[in-house]
Amino acid sequence: MIFRHFLAGCFLAASATLLHAEPVTFRYAYQGGLNSLDPYSLNETFTLSALGNVYEGLVRRNAKLELEPALAERWEKLSPTHWRFHLRKDVHFHDGGTLAADDVIFSAERVRSEGSDLGTRLPAGTVVRAVDSHTVDFVLTSPTPFLPAEWETWYIMDKEWTEANGAVAVTSASSAAPGAAALKANGTGPYRIVSHEPGLKTVYAKNPDWWDATAGLPDRVEFSAVTSGPTRVAALLSGELDMIYPVPVQDIARVNQNPSTQVLSGPELRTLFLGLDQSREELLYSSVKGKNPLKDLRVRKAIYHAIDTGAITSKIMRGLAEPAALLVSPALFARADEFSRLAYDPAESRRLLAEAGYPEGFSLTLDCPNDRYVNDASICEAVAAMLSKAGIRTRADIQPKAKYFGRILPTGGYDTSFYLFGWTPADFDSLSLLQAVAMCRNTATGEGTFNIGGYCNEQADALIRQLAREDDKDRRADITAQIYTLINRDVAYIPLHQQKLAWGISRNFTVEQRADDQFLFRFIRQQ
């Protein structure tokens, strides 16, 4: 009897502790801001990651980047051109609306509409239709063996809510007048938006009605944009923030030496590269008038030879980067070691420039963000100095990412002559990368949407289309190698490096660091 009373007392005490437990708040900062809540405005990892806590796709990826069911509980390929997705029946949007096939059809139309930066998530000509209220068919114009591979970040929107809020039109990345979907959100995900100050701060609250498990997740998450690296680090070390990313490379040891913080580091799948305008007859931002020197292969090679990636990775990145010979990470292409960079050779740069008719060189503007990639501004300043030394007098025009992407992306009219860019393939394969940045630009098909410089090689295009239909692993590798051989021969782009991840985290929490640099709240746990 005494023992029974003792157990009851323990149970009541534990219950009281649980009932009066303090809500858990997780605070983190990134070097750039979340400027829009519209899930189709900007195809950028940070933005899509931040919105991936509110919105969800038909599929998602786990901490190891393996594909798994999300809003679709299962799917099947009825034929090479016909896929069927079965939706969960217990999913609700944050306003209480129920997920249905009409929402998927609406989202397919909206993501391919004017202003969207994610139109290539669906192959051109795809017909999306309802079989019943929770079954959706995708009928393709040609076989697409890996159709849902990019769909973790094709977020499904509530048709009724979007229409009721006058938010059907996508707020483009270059728009100065944000629409309703840019300022408020209604997803199905584990967190709801409590408040949003564009570019500054966003507050999330846990969604108790999420279809998946929420036990152990923080009750509240607060995001702040902190552009200053020293300020981010100081806030982490003082306990004001629970996580920051990226940690400035020069501060990694300091964060690790602090007893209450640590740095999570690992390889990232993103490749940074330089793009060149090869389509305009005259460059927008150059001293050369009446023609475009970047159309000349010799000039592009001269630029390549002038860049010392070894110095960039050792001095600016402090070893937290690997020089790249391709646009894709070696982790995503097994035959990457067959390719090599053009050697750093300023003398060869000057020789090629003279041979191309520019013995005195010329001036050029390099466009760069200062809050998107690790040490992006410093990288661009270093590249500008290297090129200037070789005879191409280069000015680095450095802007916040909101202005930068608003200019250089399709919605801004590809307003650049020379630019820094980074890419993590959403399908974790070369295909989506090549379709986006290497194919000739075609607004009708969506091919080459992010081919900002307008590079065009019809032989490469034919091979990329062949790759899209091929599902045999060895044949895919052969085709991919042929494509990269053509791209490198043409100096379509100048690869720089794969940066490494560096997240600073309080030892009071654990998180999962995915190699695609997506930070998702469903992986946060309090220690």
Protein backbone atom coordinates (compact mmCIF):
# COMPACT_ATOMS: atom_id res chain seq x y z
CA MET A 1 0.00 0.00 0.00
CA ILE A 2 2.83 2.39 0.96
CA PHE A 3 4.66 1.48 -2.26
CA ARG A 4 1.49 2.17 -4.30
CA HIS A 5 1.18 5.64 -2.71
CA PHE A 6 4.85 6.25 -3.43
CA LEU A 7 4.38 5.44 -7.15
CA ALA A 8 1.29 7.63 -7.36
CA GLY A 9 3.20 10.50 -5.79
CA CYS A 10 6.03 10.09 -8.30
CA PHE A 11 3.54 10.04 -11.18
CA LEU A 12 1.85 13.23 -9.97
CA ALA A 13 5.17 14.98 -9.49
CA ALA A 14 6.34 13.98 -12.96
CA SER A 15 3.04 15.09 -14.47
CA ALA A 16 3.27 18.44 -12.74
CA THR A 17 6.81 18.88 -14.06
CA LEU A 18 5.68 18.13 -17.61
CA LEU A 19 2.66 20.37 -17.35
CA HIS A 20 4.75 23.29 -16.12
CA ALA A 21 7.79 22.69 -18.35
CA GLU A 22 9.06 25.88 -19.89
CA PRO A 23 8.44 26.21 -23.65
CA VAL A 24 11.63 25.61 -25.63
CA THR A 25 12.78 28.37 -27.97
CA PHE A 26 15.55 27.84 -30.51
CA ARG A 27 17.25 30.98 -31.87
CA TYR A 28 19.47 30.98 -34.93
CA ALA A 29 21.02 33.37 -37.44
CA TYR A 30 22.19 33.25 -41.03
CA GLN A 31 24.36 35.72 -42.93
CA GLY A 32 21.50 36.76 -45.23
CA GLY A 33 17.80 37.45 -44.82
CA LEU A 34 14.59 35.65 -45.65
CA ASN A 35 13.10 38.22 -47.99
CA SER A 36 9.95 36.48 -49.19
CA LEU A 37 7.63 33.75 -47.91
CA ASP A 38 6.45 32.95 -51.43
CA PRO A 39 7.77 29.41 -51.98
CA TYR A 40 8.20 29.95 -55.73
CA SER A 41 10.02 33.30 -55.69
CA LEU A 42 13.63 32.21 -55.39
CA ASN A 43 15.37 28.92 -56.13
CA GLU A 44 17.98 29.39 -53.41
CA THR A 45 18.95 26.83 -50.79
CA PHE A 46 18.63 29.07 -47.74
CA THR A 47 15.23 30.44 -48.77
CA LEU A 48 13.86 27.02 -49.69
CA SER A 49 15.22 25.56 -46.46
CA ALA A 50 13.62 28.27 -44.31
CA LEU A 51 10.28 27.78 -46.08
CA GLY A 52 10.60 23.99 -45.92
CA ASN A 53 9.69 24.21 -42.24
CA VAL A 54 6.32 25.72 -43.17
CA TYR A 55 5.53 24.20 -46.55
CA GLU A 56 6.06 20.62 -47.72
CA GLY A 57 6.45 18.72 -50.95
CA LEU A 58 4.93 15.45 -52.05
CA VAL A 59 8.26 13.87 -51.09
CA ARG A 60 11.08 14.84 -48.75
CA ARG A 61 14.60 13.73 -47.89
CA ASN A 62 15.90 12.45 -44.57
CA ALA A 63 19.14 13.47 -42.87
CA LYS A 64 21.08 11.20 -45.24
CA LEU A 65 19.32 12.80 -48.27
CA GLU A 66 17.36 9.63 -49.01
CA LEU A 67 13.98 10.19 -50.64
CA GLU A 68 10.94 9.34 -48.52
CA PRO A 69 7.17 10.01 -48.52
CA ALA A 70 5.83 13.36 -47.33
CA LEU A 71 2.46 14.73 -48.49
CA ALA A 72 2.25 11.73 -50.80
CA GLU A 73 2.24 8.53 -48.76
CA ARG A 74 3.23 6.51 -51.83
CA TRP A 75 3.66 6.73 -55.60
CA GLU A 76 4.01 4.46 -58.58
CA LYS A 77 5.17 4.64 -62.18
CA LEU A 78 2.35 3.27 -64.34
CA SER A 79 4.42 3.69 -67.50
CA PRO A 80 7.65 5.53 -68.43
CA THR A 81 5.56 8.68 -68.96
CA HIS A 82 2.78 8.21 -66.39
CA TRP A 83 3.25 8.60 -62.62
CA ARG A 84 0.59 8.37 -59.92
CA PHE A 85 0.85 9.91 -56.43
CA HIS A 86 -1.42 8.98 -53.53
CA LEU A 87 -1.89 11.82 -51.03
CA ARG A 88 -2.17 11.42 -47.27
CA LYS A 89 -5.73 11.84 -46.04
CA ASP A 90 -4.88 13.29 -42.62
CA VAL A 91 -3.07 16.45 -43.73
CA HIS A 92 -4.31 19.95 -42.93
CA PHE A 93 -3.03 23.36 -43.85
CA HIS A 94 -2.29 25.72 -40.99
CA ASP A 95 -5.64 27.50 -41.43
CA GLY A 96 -7.49 24.17 -41.08
CA GLY A 97 -8.06 23.44 -44.77
CA THR A 98 -7.62 19.85 -45.93
CA LEU A 99 -4.99 18.86 -48.48
CA ALA A 100 -6.55 17.55 -51.69
CA ALA A 101 -5.68 16.81 -55.30
CA ASP A 102 -6.86 20.26 -56.40
CA ASP A 103 -4.10 21.83 -54.30
CA VAL A 104 -1.45 19.80 -56.13
CA ILE A 105 -2.90 20.72 -59.52
CA PHE A 106 -3.06 24.39 -58.53
CA SER A 107 0.53 24.28 -57.24
CA ALA A 108 1.68 22.73 -60.52
CA GLU A 109 0.08 25.59 -62.43
CA ARG A 110 1.41 28.29 -60.12
CA VAL A 111 5.00 27.00 -60.00
CA ARG A 112 5.12 27.17 -63.79
CA SER A 113 3.57 30.63 -64.01
CA GLU A 114 5.25 33.96 -64.73
CA GLY A 115 7.57 35.14 -61.99
CA SER A 116 8.28 31.68 -60.59
CA ASP A 117 11.92 30.75 -60.12
CA LEU A 118 11.12 27.03 -59.78
CA GLY A 119 9.31 26.31 -63.03
CA THR A 120 11.75 23.54 -63.95
CA ARG A 121 10.59 21.37 -61.03
CA LEU A 122 8.10 19.90 -63.53
CA PRO A 123 9.21 18.79 -67.01
CA ALA A 124 7.85 20.93 -69.83
CA GLY A 125 4.46 19.80 -71.09
CA THR A 126 3.60 17.77 -67.98
CA VAL A 127 -0.16 17.34 -67.54
CA VAL A 128 -1.33 17.11 -63.93
CA ARG A 129 -4.80 15.74 -63.27
CA ALA A 130 -6.88 14.35 -60.42
CA VAL A 131 -7.93 10.72 -60.35
CA ASP A 132 -9.94 11.36 -57.19
CA SER A 133 -9.72 13.77 -54.27
CA HIS A 134 -6.46 12.27 -52.99
CA THR A 135 -4.86 10.76 -56.09
CA VAL A 136 -2.94 12.76 -58.71
CA ASP A 137 -1.52 11.69 -62.05
CA PHE A 138 1.45 13.25 -63.83
CA VAL A 139 1.51 12.56 -67.55
CA LEU A 140 4.82 13.44 -69.23
CA THR A 141 5.81 14.11 -72.82
CA SER A 142 8.89 11.88 -72.51
CA PRO A 143 10.26 9.38 -69.99
CA THR A 144 11.63 10.95 -66.80
CA PRO A 145 13.04 8.11 -64.68
CA PHE A 146 13.71 10.26 -61.62
CA LEU A 147 10.66 12.53 -61.70
CA PRO A 148 10.22 13.31 -57.97
CA ALA A 149 13.94 13.70 -57.22
CA GLU A 150 13.67 17.52 -57.03
CA TRP A 151 10.27 17.67 -55.38
CA GLU A 152 11.28 18.09 -51.75
CA THR A 153 11.43 21.82 -52.50
CA TRP A 154 8.39 21.99 -54.79
CA TYR A 155 6.07 23.01 -52.00
CA ILE A 156 2.32 22.42 -52.22
CA MET A 157 0.11 25.46 -51.60
CA ASP A 158 -3.53 25.69 -50.54
CA LYS A 159 -5.55 26.63 -53.63
CA GLU A 160 -8.45 28.08 -51.66
CA TRP A 161 -6.26 30.17 -49.33
CA THR A 162 -4.04 31.47 -52.14
CA GLU A 163 -7.02 32.56 -54.23
CA ALA A 164 -8.84 34.08 -51.24
CA ASN A 165 -5.75 36.14 -50.38
CA GLY A 166 -5.19 37.41 -53.91
CA ALA A 167 -1.86 35.60 -54.03
CA VAL A 168 -2.17 33.57 -57.23
CA ALA A 169 0.49 35.67 -59.00
CA VAL A 170 4.01 34.72 -57.93
CA THR A 171 6.10 37.45 -56.33
CA SER A 172 9.23 37.34 -58.49
CA ALA A 173 12.71 37.77 -57.03
CA SER A 174 13.06 41.11 -58.82
CA SER A 175 9.71 42.50 -57.67
CA ALA A 176 9.71 45.64 -55.51
CA ALA A 177 6.04 45.12 -54.59
CA PRO A 178 5.61 41.88 -52.61
CA GLY A 179 2.32 40.04 -53.00
CA ALA A 180 0.31 38.47 -50.20
CA ALA A 181 2.16 35.13 -50.42
CA ALA A 182 5.46 36.95 -49.87
CA LEU A 183 4.28 38.33 -46.52
CA LYS A 184 2.26 35.47 -45.02
CA ALA A 185 2.16 31.71 -45.39
CA ASN A 186 -0.23 28.79 -45.08
CA GLY A 187 1.55 25.47 -45.36
CA THR A 188 1.18 21.97 -43.97
CA GLY A 189 4.57 21.72 -42.29
CA PRO A 190 5.77 21.30 -38.69
CA TYR A 191 5.94 25.06 -38.07
CA ARG A 192 3.67 28.05 -38.65
CA ILE A 193 4.77 31.61 -39.26
CA VAL A 194 4.03 33.82 -36.25
CA SER A 195 5.63 36.99 -37.59
CA HIS A 196 7.79 37.98 -40.52
CA GLU A 197 9.92 41.08 -41.05
CA PRO A 198 11.30 40.68 -44.61
CA GLY A 199 15.06 40.43 -44.63
CA LEU A 200 15.32 40.80 -40.84
CA LYS A 201 13.49 38.37 -38.58
CA THR A 202 11.00 35.52 -38.82
CA VAL A 203 9.35 33.77 -35.88
CA TYR A 204 7.92 30.25 -36.10
CA ALA A 205 5.67 28.28 -33.73
CA LYS A 206 5.32 24.49 -33.65
CA ASN A 207 2.27 23.17 -35.47
CA PRO A 208 0.51 20.78 -33.04
CA ASP A 209 -1.61 19.41 -35.88
CA TRP A 210 1.26 18.30 -38.09
CA TRP A 211 0.66 14.87 -39.62
CA ASP A 212 4.10 13.65 -38.48
CA ALA A 213 5.54 13.44 -34.95
CA THR A 214 6.31 16.72 -33.15
CA ALA A 215 7.50 15.30 -29.82
CA GLY A 216 10.84 16.78 -28.82
CA LEU A 217 10.75 19.65 -31.31
CA PRO A 218 11.25 23.23 -30.05
CA ASP A 219 8.00 25.08 -29.35
CA ARG A 220 9.27 28.23 -31.01
CA VAL A 221 12.03 29.05 -33.47
CA GLU A 222 13.33 32.57 -34.02
CA PHE A 223 15.41 33.41 -37.07
CA SER A 224 17.45 36.60 -37.45
CA ALA A 225 19.56 37.82 -40.34
CA VAL A 226 22.99 38.83 -39.02
CA THR A 227 25.26 39.86 -41.85
CA SER A 228 28.31 40.52 -39.67
CA GLY A 229 30.36 37.38 -39.00
CA PRO A 230 31.90 38.67 -35.75
CA THR A 231 28.46 39.66 -34.47
CA ARG A 232 27.05 36.19 -35.23
CA VAL A 233 29.93 34.52 -33.45
CA ALA A 234 29.70 36.79 -30.41
CA ALA A 235 25.95 36.09 -30.09
CA LEU A 236 26.56 32.33 -30.24
CA LEU A 237 29.36 32.41 -27.68
CA SER A 238 27.29 34.53 -25.28
CA GLY A 239 24.26 32.21 -25.53
CA GLU A 240 22.09 34.83 -27.20
CA LEU A 241 21.83 32.49 -30.20
CA ASP A 242 21.68 28.68 -30.25
CA MET A 243 23.02 28.31 -33.78
CA ILE A 244 24.70 30.35 -36.51
CA TYR A 245 25.72 29.54 -40.04
CA PRO A 246 28.04 29.84 -41.69
CA VAL A 247 30.73 30.26 -39.04
CA PRO A 248 33.46 32.51 -40.49
CA VAL A 249 36.41 30.27 -41.27
CA GLN A 250 38.73 32.33 -39.07
CA ASP A 251 36.45 31.79 -36.04
CA ILE A 252 35.99 28.02 -36.19
CA ALA A 253 38.71 27.27 -33.64
CA ARG A 254 37.30 29.92 -31.29
CA VAL A 255 33.81 28.41 -31.41
CA ASN A 256 35.18 24.92 -30.79
CA GLN A 257 37.29 26.10 -27.86
CA ASN A 258 34.25 27.59 -26.12
CA PRO A 259 32.90 24.95 -23.68
CA SER A 260 29.24 25.58 -24.53
CA THR A 261 29.50 25.59 -28.34
CA GLN A 262 30.86 23.50 -31.19
CA VAL A 263 31.22 23.62 -34.96
CA LEU A 264 29.57 21.00 -37.15
CA SER A 265 31.59 20.68 -40.33
CA GLY A 266 31.37 18.52 -43.40
CA PRO A 267 31.53 18.54 -47.19
CA GLU A 268 28.88 20.51 -49.02
CA LEU A 269 27.42 19.52 -52.37
CA ARG A 270 27.40 23.09 -53.70
CA THR A 271 29.93 24.18 -56.33
CA LEU A 272 30.85 27.84 -56.77
CA PHE A 273 31.70 29.03 -60.26
CA LEU A 274 32.01 32.10 -62.45
CA GLY A 275 29.65 32.68 -65.35
CA LEU A 276 30.29 34.82 -68.42
CA ASP A 277 27.93 36.57 -70.82
CA GLN A 278 28.43 34.72 -74.11
CA SER A 279 25.14 35.73 -75.76
CA ARG A 280 25.01 39.53 -76.09
CA GLU A 281 26.71 41.13 -79.06
CA GLU A 282 28.08 43.81 -76.71
CA LEU A 283 28.79 43.40 -73.03
CA LEU A 284 26.72 45.50 -70.67
CA TYR A 285 29.58 46.31 -68.29
CA SER A 286 32.90 46.51 -70.12
CA SER A 287 35.18 49.03 -71.83
CA VAL A 288 34.91 47.07 -75.08
CA LYS A 289 32.25 48.57 -77.34
CA GLY A 290 30.64 47.09 -80.43
CA LYS A 291 31.49 43.48 -79.62
CA ASN A 292 31.62 40.92 -76.84
CA PRO A 293 35.13 39.69 -75.99
CA LEU A 294 33.68 36.88 -73.84
CA LYS A 295 32.38 35.19 -76.99
CA ASP A 296 36.02 34.45 -77.81
CA LEU A 297 37.23 31.14 -76.35
CA ARG A 298 40.73 32.57 -76.00
CA VAL A 299 39.46 35.32 -73.71
CA ARG A 300 37.50 32.87 -71.57
CA LYS A 301 40.62 30.71 -71.27
CA ALA A 302 42.63 33.79 -70.35
CA ILE A 303 40.25 34.50 -67.48
CA TYR A 304 40.42 30.88 -66.33
CA HIS A 305 44.25 30.81 -66.38
CA ALA A 306 44.41 34.05 -64.38
CA ILE A 307 42.56 32.67 -61.34
CA ASP A 308 44.60 31.03 -58.60
CA THR A 309 42.08 28.76 -56.87
CA GLY A 310 44.83 27.39 -54.66
CA ALA A 311 45.31 30.84 -53.15
CA ILE A 312 41.56 31.29 -52.73
CA THR A 313 41.07 27.97 -50.94
CA SER A 314 44.13 28.35 -48.71
CA LYS A 315 44.09 32.06 -47.87
CA ILE A 316 40.44 33.11 -48.11
CA MET A 317 38.73 29.81 -47.30
CA ARG A 318 41.53 28.65 -44.95
CA GLY A 319 41.37 25.12 -46.28
CA LEU A 320 37.59 24.80 -45.95
CA ALA A 321 37.11 24.34 -49.69
CA GLU A 322 38.27 22.03 -52.46
CA PRO A 323 39.21 23.44 -55.90
CA ALA A 324 36.75 22.24 -58.54
CA ALA A 325 37.23 21.09 -62.11
CA LEU A 326 33.52 20.57 -62.77
CA LEU A 327 30.24 22.29 -62.01
CA VAL A 328 29.18 19.33 -59.87
CA SER A 329 30.58 17.94 -56.63
CA PRO A 330 32.73 14.78 -57.00
CA ALA A 331 30.39 13.25 -54.40
CA LEU A 332 27.65 13.32 -57.06
CA PHE A 333 29.66 12.10 -60.05
CA ALA A 334 31.94 9.08 -59.66
CA ARG A 335 34.03 9.95 -62.72
CA ALA A 336 34.87 13.48 -61.60
CA ASP A 337 38.54 12.55 -61.09
CA GLU A 338 38.90 12.17 -64.87
CA PHE A 339 38.71 15.97 -65.20
CA SER A 340 41.19 18.67 -64.23
CA ARG A 341 41.32 22.45 -64.07
CA LEU A 342 43.21 24.69 -66.45
CA ALA A 343 46.47 25.60 -64.75
CA TYR A 344 46.99 28.92 -63.03
CA ASP A 345 49.21 30.75 -65.54
CA PRO A 346 49.00 34.57 -65.75
CA ALA A 347 51.63 34.64 -68.54
CA GLU A 348 49.41 32.38 -70.64
CA SER A 349 46.48 34.68 -69.86
CA ARG A 350 48.32 37.69 -71.25
CA ARG A 351 49.40 35.72 -74.32
CA LEU A 352 45.85 34.61 -75.06
CA LEU A 353 44.52 38.14 -74.60
CA ALA A 354 47.07 39.50 -77.08
CA GLU A 355 46.25 36.72 -79.54
CA ALA A 356 42.56 37.57 -79.25
CA GLY A 357 43.27 41.23 -80.06
CA TYR A 358 43.45 42.69 -76.55
CA PRO A 359 47.18 43.24 -75.91
CA GLU A 360 46.33 46.06 -73.49
CA GLY A 361 43.48 44.11 -71.94
CA PHE A 362 40.09 45.66 -71.19
CA SER A 363 37.85 46.47 -68.22
CA LEU A 364 35.06 44.28 -66.89
CA THR A 365 32.61 44.24 -63.97
CA LEU A 366 32.19 41.14 -61.78
CA ASP A 367 28.81 40.94 -60.00
CA CYS A 368 28.72 39.22 -56.61
CA PRO A 369 26.59 38.83 -53.48
CA ASN A 370 28.02 39.52 -50.03
CA ASP A 371 25.63 37.42 -47.92
CA ARG A 372 25.03 34.22 -49.86
CA TYR A 373 28.15 32.04 -50.04
CA VAL A 374 31.00 31.60 -47.58
CA ASN A 375 33.35 34.60 -47.98
CA ASP A 376 31.66 35.50 -51.27
CA ALA A 377 32.70 39.17 -51.23
CA SER A 378 36.32 38.29 -50.42
CA ILE A 379 36.39 35.68 -53.18
CA CYS A 380 35.17 38.22 -55.72
CA GLU A 381 37.67 40.85 -54.60
CA ALA A 382 40.46 38.29 -54.94
CA VAL A 383 39.30 37.23 -58.42
CA ALA A 384 39.10 40.88 -59.49
CA ALA A 385 42.66 41.49 -58.29
CA MET A 386 43.97 38.37 -60.08
CA LEU A 387 42.30 39.29 -63.36
CA SER A 388 43.49 42.89 -63.13
CA LYS A 389 47.04 41.65 -62.66
CA ALA A 390 46.70 39.57 -65.84
CA GLY A 391 45.42 42.52 -67.87
CA ILE A 392 41.63 42.37 -67.44
CA ARG A 393 40.90 45.35 -65.21
CA THR A 394 38.05 44.01 -63.10
CA ARG A 395 35.78 45.84 -60.68
CA ALA A 396 33.83 43.75 -58.17
CA ASP A 397 30.27 45.07 -57.80
CA ILE A 398 29.17 43.54 -54.50
CA GLN A 399 25.54 43.68 -53.33
CA PRO A 400 23.20 41.97 -50.83
CA LYS A 401 21.74 38.81 -52.32
CA ALA A 402 18.23 40.28 -52.62
CA LYS A 403 19.45 42.94 -55.05
CA TYR A 404 21.98 40.64 -56.66
CA PHE A 405 19.57 37.84 -57.53
CA GLY A 406 16.90 40.36 -58.50
CA ARG A 407 19.28 41.61 -61.18
CA ILE A 408 21.00 38.56 -62.62
CA LEU A 409 18.18 35.99 -62.60
CA PRO A 410 15.60 35.62 -65.41
CA THR A 411 13.13 37.97 -63.73
CA GLY A 412 15.82 40.67 -63.75
CA GLY A 413 16.66 40.14 -67.41
CA TYR A 414 20.06 38.48 -66.82
CA ASP A 415 21.50 41.92 -66.07
CA THR A 416 25.18 41.00 -65.78
CA SER A 417 28.31 40.43 -67.85
CA PHE A 418 30.31 38.37 -65.37
CA TYR A 419 29.06 36.86 -62.12
CA LEU A 420 29.62 34.52 -59.19
CA PHE A 421 27.11 31.71 -58.76
CA GLY A 422 26.69 28.51 -56.76
CA TRP A 423 24.60 25.40 -57.34
CA THR A 424 23.55 22.35 -55.38
CA PRO A 425 21.64 19.95 -57.66
CA ALA A 426 18.20 19.39 -56.15
CA ASP A 427 18.12 15.87 -57.61
CA PHE A 428 21.66 15.12 -56.30
CA ASP A 429 22.67 14.24 -59.84
CA SER A 430 24.18 16.20 -62.71
CA LEU A 431 20.94 16.22 -64.70
CA SER A 432 19.04 19.07 -63.03
CA LEU A 433 22.21 21.17 -62.90
CA LEU A 434 22.92 20.68 -66.60
CA GLN A 435 19.32 21.32 -67.60
CA ALA A 436 19.33 24.56 -65.64
CA VAL A 437 22.73 26.10 -66.37
CA ALA A 438 24.19 24.35 -69.43
CA MET A 439 21.36 24.05 -71.94
CA CYS A 440 20.60 26.75 -74.49
CA ARG A 441 17.99 29.08 -73.01
CA ASN A 442 14.46 28.14 -74.11
CA THR A 443 11.55 29.90 -72.40
CA ALA A 444 9.03 27.48 -73.94
CA THR A 445 10.60 24.38 -72.38
CA GLY A 446 12.28 25.94 -69.35
CA GLU A 447 15.66 24.62 -70.47
CA GLY A 448 18.61 26.80 -69.52
CA THR A 449 16.58 28.98 -67.17
CA PHE A 450 19.64 29.66 -64.99
CA ASN A 451 22.05 29.78 -67.91
CA ILE A 452 22.61 33.43 -67.06
CA GLY A 453 25.47 33.91 -69.51
CA GLY A 454 23.58 32.38 -72.44
CA TYR A 455 26.07 29.62 -73.26
CA CYS A 456 24.73 27.40 -76.05
CA ASN A 457 26.02 24.14 -77.51
CA GLU A 458 23.43 22.07 -79.38
CA GLN A 459 25.56 18.92 -79.15
CA ALA A 460 25.57 19.24 -75.35
CA ASP A 461 21.82 19.88 -75.38
CA ALA A 462 21.18 16.66 -77.30
CA LEU A 463 23.26 14.70 -74.80
CA ILE A 464 21.47 16.29 -71.83
CA ARG A 465 18.09 15.31 -73.31
CA GLN A 466 19.44 11.78 -73.77
CA LEU A 467 20.59 11.77 -70.14
CA ALA A 468 17.10 12.78 -68.99
CA ARG A 469 15.63 9.61 -70.53
CA GLU A 470 18.36 7.17 -69.49
CA ASP A 471 18.06 5.10 -66.31
CA ASP A 472 21.04 2.73 -66.73
CA LYS A 473 23.75 3.80 -64.27
CA ASP A 474 26.78 3.11 -66.49
CA ARG A 475 25.26 4.68 -69.60
CA ARG A 476 24.30 7.74 -67.53
CA ALA A 477 27.90 8.09 -66.37
CA ASP A 478 29.19 7.88 -69.96
CA ILE A 479 26.74 10.51 -71.21
CA THR A 480 27.47 12.79 -68.27
CA ALA A 481 31.22 12.56 -68.93
CA GLN A 482 30.67 13.49 -72.57
CA ILE A 483 28.66 16.54 -71.56
CA TYR A 484 31.26 17.79 -69.08
CA THR A 485 33.98 17.27 -71.70
CA LEU A 486 32.13 19.61 -74.07
CA ILE A 487 31.39 22.20 -71.39
CA ASN A 488 35.00 22.27 -70.18
CA ARG A 489 36.34 22.42 -73.73
CA ASP A 490 34.16 25.46 -74.39
CA VAL A 491 35.01 27.07 -71.01
CA ALA A 492 31.27 27.56 -70.61
CA TYR A 493 31.92 28.33 -66.94
CA ILE A 494 34.92 28.66 -64.65
CA PRO A 495 34.56 26.32 -61.66
CA LEU A 496 36.07 27.61 -58.41
CA HIS A 497 35.51 25.25 -55.49
CA GLN A 498 33.21 23.22 -53.28
CA GLN A 499 32.92 25.03 -49.97
CA LYS A 500 32.62 23.10 -46.71
CA LEU A 501 29.82 23.44 -44.20
CA ALA A 502 30.48 25.16 -40.88
CA TRP A 503 27.53 25.46 -38.50
CA GLY A 504 28.04 26.77 -34.99
CA ILE A 505 25.70 25.13 -32.48
CA SER A 506 25.06 25.37 -28.73
CA ARG A 507 25.74 22.13 -26.88
CA ASN A 508 22.23 22.46 -25.44
CA PHE A 509 20.85 21.25 -28.79
CA THR A 510 21.57 18.74 -31.52
CA VAL A 511 20.74 19.20 -35.20
CA GLU A 512 21.24 17.18 -38.36
CA GLN A 513 23.64 18.76 -40.85
CA ARG A 514 22.66 17.74 -44.35
CA ALA A 515 25.25 17.95 -47.12
CA ASP A 516 22.92 20.18 -49.15
CA ASP A 517 23.11 22.88 -46.40
CA GLN A 518 19.38 22.74 -45.70
CA PHE A 519 18.62 23.43 -42.05
CA LEU A 520 15.28 21.85 -41.13
CA PHE A 521 13.66 22.29 -37.72
CA ARG A 522 12.26 18.78 -37.60
CA PHE A 523 15.81 17.58 -36.85
CA ILE A 524 16.35 19.84 -33.80
CA ARG A 525 16.47 18.19 -30.39
CA GLN A 526 17.21 19.66 -26.98
CA GLN A 527 20.03 17.95 -25.07
